Amino acid sequence: MQETRLSLLIERLVNQFFGFLTNPWRQLSLITICALSGFFLASVITTSAGQSARWDITIALFFLLFTEISNYIIYRRRNEKPPWIDLLNSLKIGFVYGLYLESLKLGS
């Protein structure tokens, strides 16, 4: 890729973001925020998709694809993992936990 000002700016911003993740407290706070965001997304999507009963199977397919693709991305690397992998994993964990809690609410 050519070294334009825009590409250099984007590269510098990405490097600053990953440098931000090297601090353990910041990484823990971002992981917590991603887990809570995944829980929130699961709650919002299931309630909005449940309003119109036509989209239930389609939304379930997207949920399944999201979890399986994220599992593939997370667990295919054995040696070195970039820091955003942990954020994706915590988002997935919060998402699956939110779906599980919604199913318990519907079952009772």
N, C-alpha and C. Protein backbone atom coordinates (compact mmCIF):
# COMPACT_ATOMS: atom_id res chain seq x y z
N MET A 1 0.83 -1.16 0.00
CA MET A 1 0.00 0.00 0.00
C MET A 1 0.89 1.25 0.00
N GLN A 2 0.44 2.28 -0.67
CA GLN A 2 1.21 3.50 -0.74
C GLN A 2 1.17 4.23 0.60
N GLU A 3 2.24 4.96 0.88
CA GLU A 3 2.31 5.69 2.14
C GLU A 3 1.74 7.10 1.94
N THR A 4 0.44 7.18 1.97
CA THR A 4 -0.23 8.48 1.91
C THR A 4 -0.43 8.99 3.33
N ARG A 5 -0.84 10.23 3.45
CA ARG A 5 -1.08 10.78 4.78
C ARG A 5 -2.23 10.07 5.49
N LEU A 6 -3.24 9.68 4.72
CA LEU A 6 -4.37 8.99 5.31
C LEU A 6 -3.97 7.61 5.82
N SER A 7 -3.20 6.86 5.03
CA SER A 7 -2.78 5.53 5.48
C SER A 7 -1.85 5.63 6.69
N LEU A 8 -0.98 6.63 6.72
CA LEU A 8 -0.10 6.81 7.87
C LEU A 8 -0.90 7.21 9.12
N LEU A 9 -1.94 8.03 8.94
CA LEU A 9 -2.79 8.42 10.06
C LEU A 9 -3.55 7.23 10.62
N ILE A 10 -4.09 6.40 9.75
CA ILE A 10 -4.81 5.22 10.21
C ILE A 10 -3.87 4.25 10.91
N GLU A 11 -2.70 4.07 10.35
CA GLU A 11 -1.72 3.18 10.97
C GLU A 11 -1.30 3.68 12.35
N ARG A 12 -1.12 4.99 12.48
CA ARG A 12 -0.75 5.57 13.76
C ARG A 12 -1.87 5.42 14.79
N LEU A 13 -3.13 5.60 14.34
CA LEU A 13 -4.26 5.44 15.25
C LEU A 13 -4.41 3.99 15.72
N VAL A 14 -4.21 3.04 14.83
CA VAL A 14 -4.29 1.63 15.20
C VAL A 14 -3.18 1.28 16.18
N ASN A 15 -1.98 1.78 15.94
CA ASN A 15 -0.87 1.52 16.85
C ASN A 15 -1.12 2.13 18.22
N GLN A 16 -1.72 3.32 18.27
CA GLN A 16 -2.05 3.94 19.55
C GLN A 16 -3.12 3.15 20.30
N PHE A 17 -4.10 2.63 19.55
CA PHE A 17 -5.14 1.84 20.19
C PHE A 17 -4.58 0.56 20.79
N PHE A 18 -3.71 -0.14 20.04
CA PHE A 18 -3.12 -1.36 20.58
C PHE A 18 -2.13 -1.06 21.70
N GLY A 19 -1.49 0.11 21.65
CA GLY A 19 -0.66 0.54 22.77
C GLY A 19 -1.49 0.83 24.00
N PHE A 20 -2.72 1.30 23.78
CA PHE A 20 -3.65 1.55 24.86
C PHE A 20 -4.04 0.25 25.55
N LEU A 21 -4.09 -0.83 24.80
CA LEU A 21 -4.49 -2.12 25.35
C LEU A 21 -3.40 -2.84 26.12
N THR A 22 -2.17 -2.34 26.09
CA THR A 22 -1.09 -3.03 26.79
C THR A 22 -1.20 -2.85 28.30
N ASN A 23 -1.83 -1.80 28.77
CA ASN A 23 -2.04 -1.60 30.20
C ASN A 23 -3.08 -2.60 30.69
N PRO A 24 -2.79 -3.39 31.72
CA PRO A 24 -3.74 -4.43 32.14
C PRO A 24 -5.07 -3.88 32.66
N TRP A 25 -5.07 -2.75 33.34
CA TRP A 25 -6.33 -2.19 33.84
C TRP A 25 -7.22 -1.71 32.71
N ARG A 26 -6.61 -1.10 31.72
CA ARG A 26 -7.40 -0.66 30.57
C ARG A 26 -7.95 -1.85 29.79
N GLN A 27 -7.14 -2.89 29.67
CA GLN A 27 -7.58 -4.09 28.97
C GLN A 27 -8.73 -4.74 29.72
N LEU A 28 -8.64 -4.81 31.04
CA LEU A 28 -9.72 -5.39 31.84
C LEU A 28 -11.00 -4.57 31.73
N SER A 29 -10.85 -3.24 31.72
CA SER A 29 -12.05 -2.40 31.60
C SER A 29 -12.69 -2.54 30.22
N LEU A 30 -11.88 -2.64 29.17
CA LEU A 30 -12.44 -2.83 27.83
C LEU A 30 -13.08 -4.20 27.67
N ILE A 31 -12.51 -5.21 28.30
CA ILE A 31 -13.11 -6.55 28.25
C ILE A 31 -14.45 -6.54 28.96
N THR A 32 -14.53 -5.86 30.10
CA THR A 32 -15.79 -5.75 30.83
C THR A 32 -16.83 -4.99 30.02
N ILE A 33 -16.42 -3.90 29.39
CA ILE A 33 -17.34 -3.12 28.56
C ILE A 33 -17.84 -3.95 27.39
N CYS A 34 -16.97 -4.74 26.77
CA CYS A 34 -17.40 -5.59 25.65
C CYS A 34 -18.37 -6.67 26.11
N ALA A 35 -18.14 -7.25 27.28
CA ALA A 35 -19.06 -8.28 27.79
C ALA A 35 -20.43 -7.66 28.07
N LEU A 36 -20.46 -6.49 28.69
CA LEU A 36 -21.74 -5.83 28.95
C LEU A 36 -22.41 -5.38 27.66
N SER A 37 -21.63 -4.97 26.68
CA SER A 37 -22.20 -4.59 25.39
C SER A 37 -22.81 -5.79 24.67
N GLY A 38 -22.16 -6.94 24.77
CA GLY A 38 -22.72 -8.15 24.18
C GLY A 38 -24.02 -8.54 24.85
N PHE A 39 -24.08 -8.41 26.17
CA PHE A 39 -25.32 -8.70 26.89
C PHE A 39 -26.42 -7.74 26.47
N PHE A 40 -26.08 -6.46 26.32
CA PHE A 40 -27.05 -5.46 25.89
C PHE A 40 -27.54 -5.73 24.48
N LEU A 41 -26.62 -6.07 23.58
CA LEU A 41 -27.01 -6.38 22.20
C LEU A 41 -27.95 -7.56 22.13
N ALA A 42 -27.67 -8.59 22.91
CA ALA A 42 -28.55 -9.76 22.91
C ALA A 42 -29.94 -9.40 23.41
N SER A 43 -30.01 -8.58 24.45
CA SER A 43 -31.32 -8.19 24.99
C SER A 43 -32.09 -7.33 24.01
N VAL A 44 -31.41 -6.39 23.39
CA VAL A 44 -32.09 -5.47 22.47
C VAL A 44 -32.55 -6.19 21.21
N ILE A 45 -31.69 -7.02 20.64
CA ILE A 45 -32.04 -7.68 19.39
C ILE A 45 -33.16 -8.69 19.59
N THR A 46 -33.13 -9.42 20.70
CA THR A 46 -34.19 -10.41 20.91
C THR A 46 -35.54 -9.75 21.18
N THR A 47 -35.56 -8.63 21.90
CA THR A 47 -36.85 -7.98 22.15
C THR A 47 -37.39 -7.30 20.90
N SER A 48 -36.51 -6.69 20.11
CA SER A 48 -37.00 -6.04 18.89
C SER A 48 -37.37 -7.05 17.81
N ALA A 49 -36.66 -8.18 17.74
CA ALA A 49 -37.02 -9.20 16.77
C ALA A 49 -38.26 -9.96 17.22
N GLY A 50 -38.50 -10.02 18.52
CA GLY A 50 -39.67 -10.72 19.03
C GLY A 50 -40.97 -9.97 18.80
N GLN A 51 -40.89 -8.68 18.50
CA GLN A 51 -42.10 -7.90 18.25
C GLN A 51 -42.79 -8.34 16.98
N SER A 52 -42.01 -8.56 15.94
CA SER A 52 -42.58 -9.09 14.70
C SER A 52 -42.13 -10.54 14.58
N ALA A 53 -43.03 -11.45 14.70
CA ALA A 53 -42.69 -12.86 14.79
C ALA A 53 -42.15 -13.43 13.48
N ARG A 54 -42.13 -12.63 12.43
CA ARG A 54 -41.64 -13.11 11.13
C ARG A 54 -40.13 -13.28 11.10
N TRP A 55 -39.40 -12.54 11.94
CA TRP A 55 -37.94 -12.50 11.84
C TRP A 55 -37.24 -13.45 12.80
N ASP A 56 -37.98 -14.27 13.53
CA ASP A 56 -37.35 -15.10 14.56
C ASP A 56 -36.31 -16.06 14.00
N ILE A 57 -36.64 -16.78 12.96
CA ILE A 57 -35.72 -17.78 12.41
C ILE A 57 -34.52 -17.11 11.74
N THR A 58 -34.75 -16.01 11.07
CA THR A 58 -33.65 -15.29 10.41
C THR A 58 -32.67 -14.72 11.44
N ILE A 59 -33.20 -14.13 12.50
CA ILE A 59 -32.34 -13.58 13.54
C ILE A 59 -31.58 -14.70 14.25
N ALA A 60 -32.23 -15.83 14.46
CA ALA A 60 -31.55 -16.97 15.08
C ALA A 60 -30.39 -17.45 14.20
N LEU A 61 -30.58 -17.42 12.89
CA LEU A 61 -29.50 -17.79 11.97
C LEU A 61 -28.34 -16.82 12.08
N PHE A 62 -28.61 -15.53 12.17
CA PHE A 62 -27.54 -14.54 12.33
C PHE A 62 -26.83 -14.71 13.67
N PHE A 63 -27.57 -15.03 14.73
CA PHE A 63 -26.95 -15.29 16.02
C PHE A 63 -26.00 -16.48 15.94
N LEU A 64 -26.45 -17.55 15.31
CA LEU A 64 -25.63 -18.74 15.17
C LEU A 64 -24.39 -18.45 14.33
N LEU A 65 -24.55 -17.72 13.24
CA LEU A 65 -23.40 -17.38 12.40
C LEU A 65 -22.40 -16.51 13.15
N PHE A 66 -22.90 -15.55 13.94
CA PHE A 66 -22.00 -14.69 14.71
C PHE A 66 -21.18 -15.50 15.70
N THR A 67 -21.84 -16.38 16.44
CA THR A 67 -21.10 -17.15 17.44
C THR A 67 -20.12 -18.13 16.80
N GLU A 68 -20.52 -18.77 15.71
CA GLU A 68 -19.62 -19.75 15.09
C GLU A 68 -18.45 -19.08 14.40
N ILE A 69 -18.68 -17.97 13.73
CA ILE A 69 -17.56 -17.26 13.08
C ILE A 69 -16.61 -16.67 14.11
N SER A 70 -17.17 -16.14 15.20
CA SER A 70 -16.28 -15.61 16.24
C SER A 70 -15.51 -16.75 16.91
N ASN A 71 -16.14 -17.91 17.11
CA ASN A 71 -15.41 -19.06 17.65
C ASN A 71 -14.27 -19.47 16.73
N TYR A 72 -14.53 -19.47 15.42
CA TYR A 72 -13.48 -19.81 14.46
C TYR A 72 -12.32 -18.82 14.54
N ILE A 73 -12.64 -17.54 14.62
CA ILE A 73 -11.59 -16.52 14.68
C ILE A 73 -10.80 -16.62 15.98
N ILE A 74 -11.50 -16.86 17.08
CA ILE A 74 -10.85 -16.86 18.39
C ILE A 74 -9.97 -18.09 18.57
N TYR A 75 -10.48 -19.27 18.22
CA TYR A 75 -9.79 -20.50 18.58
C TYR A 75 -8.93 -21.10 17.47
N ARG A 76 -8.80 -20.46 16.33
CA ARG A 76 -7.94 -21.03 15.29
C ARG A 76 -6.48 -20.71 15.55
N ARG A 77 -6.20 -19.66 16.29
CA ARG A 77 -4.81 -19.31 16.60
C ARG A 77 -4.41 -19.95 17.92
N ARG A 78 -3.28 -20.62 17.91
CA ARG A 78 -2.85 -21.29 19.12
C ARG A 78 -1.70 -20.53 19.80
N ASN A 79 -0.86 -19.89 19.04
CA ASN A 79 0.34 -19.28 19.61
C ASN A 79 0.09 -17.85 20.08
N GLU A 80 0.08 -16.95 19.16
CA GLU A 80 0.01 -15.54 19.48
C GLU A 80 -1.34 -14.98 19.09
N LYS A 81 -1.98 -14.29 20.04
CA LYS A 81 -3.28 -13.70 19.74
C LYS A 81 -3.19 -12.19 19.84
N PRO A 82 -3.74 -11.48 18.86
CA PRO A 82 -3.78 -10.02 18.99
C PRO A 82 -4.73 -9.61 20.11
N PRO A 83 -4.60 -8.41 20.63
CA PRO A 83 -5.43 -7.99 21.77
C PRO A 83 -6.93 -7.90 21.45
N TRP A 84 -7.30 -7.68 20.21
CA TRP A 84 -8.72 -7.54 19.90
C TRP A 84 -9.44 -8.87 19.95
N ILE A 85 -8.70 -9.98 19.94
CA ILE A 85 -9.31 -11.30 20.05
C ILE A 85 -10.00 -11.45 21.41
N ASP A 86 -9.35 -10.97 22.47
CA ASP A 86 -9.96 -11.04 23.80
C ASP A 86 -11.22 -10.20 23.87
N LEU A 87 -11.23 -9.06 23.18
CA LEU A 87 -12.43 -8.22 23.17
C LEU A 87 -13.57 -8.91 22.44
N LEU A 88 -13.26 -9.55 21.33
CA LEU A 88 -14.29 -10.29 20.59
C LEU A 88 -14.81 -11.46 21.41
N ASN A 89 -13.93 -12.14 22.13
CA ASN A 89 -14.35 -13.26 22.95
C ASN A 89 -15.27 -12.79 24.09
N SER A 90 -14.95 -11.69 24.72
CA SER A 90 -15.81 -11.20 25.80
C SER A 90 -17.15 -10.70 25.25
N LEU A 91 -17.15 -10.11 24.06
CA LEU A 91 -18.41 -9.71 23.43
C LEU A 91 -19.28 -10.93 23.16
N LYS A 92 -18.66 -12.01 22.67
CA LYS A 92 -19.39 -13.25 22.39
C LYS A 92 -19.92 -13.87 23.68
N ILE A 93 -19.13 -13.86 24.74
CA ILE A 93 -19.57 -14.43 26.01
C ILE A 93 -20.76 -13.65 26.56
N GLY A 94 -20.69 -12.33 26.52
CA GLY A 94 -21.82 -11.52 26.98
C GLY A 94 -23.05 -11.73 26.12
N PHE A 95 -22.85 -11.90 24.83
CA PHE A 95 -23.95 -12.12 23.90
C PHE A 95 -24.65 -13.45 24.17
N VAL A 96 -23.87 -14.50 24.35
CA VAL A 96 -24.45 -15.82 24.60
C VAL A 96 -25.12 -15.85 25.97
N TYR A 97 -24.53 -15.18 26.95
CA TYR A 97 -25.15 -15.11 28.28
C TYR A 97 -26.48 -14.36 28.22
N GLY A 98 -26.53 -13.28 27.43
CA GLY A 98 -27.78 -12.55 27.27
C GLY A 98 -28.86 -13.38 26.59
N LEU A 99 -28.48 -14.16 25.59
CA LEU A 99 -29.44 -15.05 24.93
C LEU A 99 -29.94 -16.12 25.89
N TYR A 100 -29.05 -16.66 26.71
CA TYR A 100 -29.43 -17.68 27.67
C TYR A 100 -30.41 -17.11 28.70
N LEU A 101 -30.14 -15.91 29.17
CA LEU A 101 -31.03 -15.28 30.14
C LEU A 101 -32.39 -14.96 29.53
N GLU A 102 -32.41 -14.53 28.27
CA GLU A 102 -33.69 -14.27 27.60
C GLU A 102 -34.49 -15.56 27.45
N SER A 103 -33.81 -16.66 27.15
CA SER A 103 -34.53 -17.92 27.01
C SER A 103 -35.10 -18.38 28.36
N LEU A 104 -34.39 -18.11 29.44
CA LEU A 104 -34.92 -18.45 30.75
C LEU A 104 -36.14 -17.60 31.10
N LYS A 105 -36.12 -16.33 30.68
CA LYS A 105 -37.27 -15.46 30.93
C LYS A 105 -38.49 -15.94 30.15
N LEU A 106 -38.26 -16.39 28.94
CA LEU A 106 -39.38 -16.85 28.12
C LEU A 106 -39.92 -18.20 28.58
N GLY A 107 -39.07 -19.01 29.17
CA GLY A 107 -39.49 -20.32 29.61
C GLY A 107 -40.29 -20.31 30.90
N SER A 108 -40.17 -19.25 31.66
CA SER A 108 -40.88 -19.23 32.95
C SER A 108 -42.23 -18.59 32.88
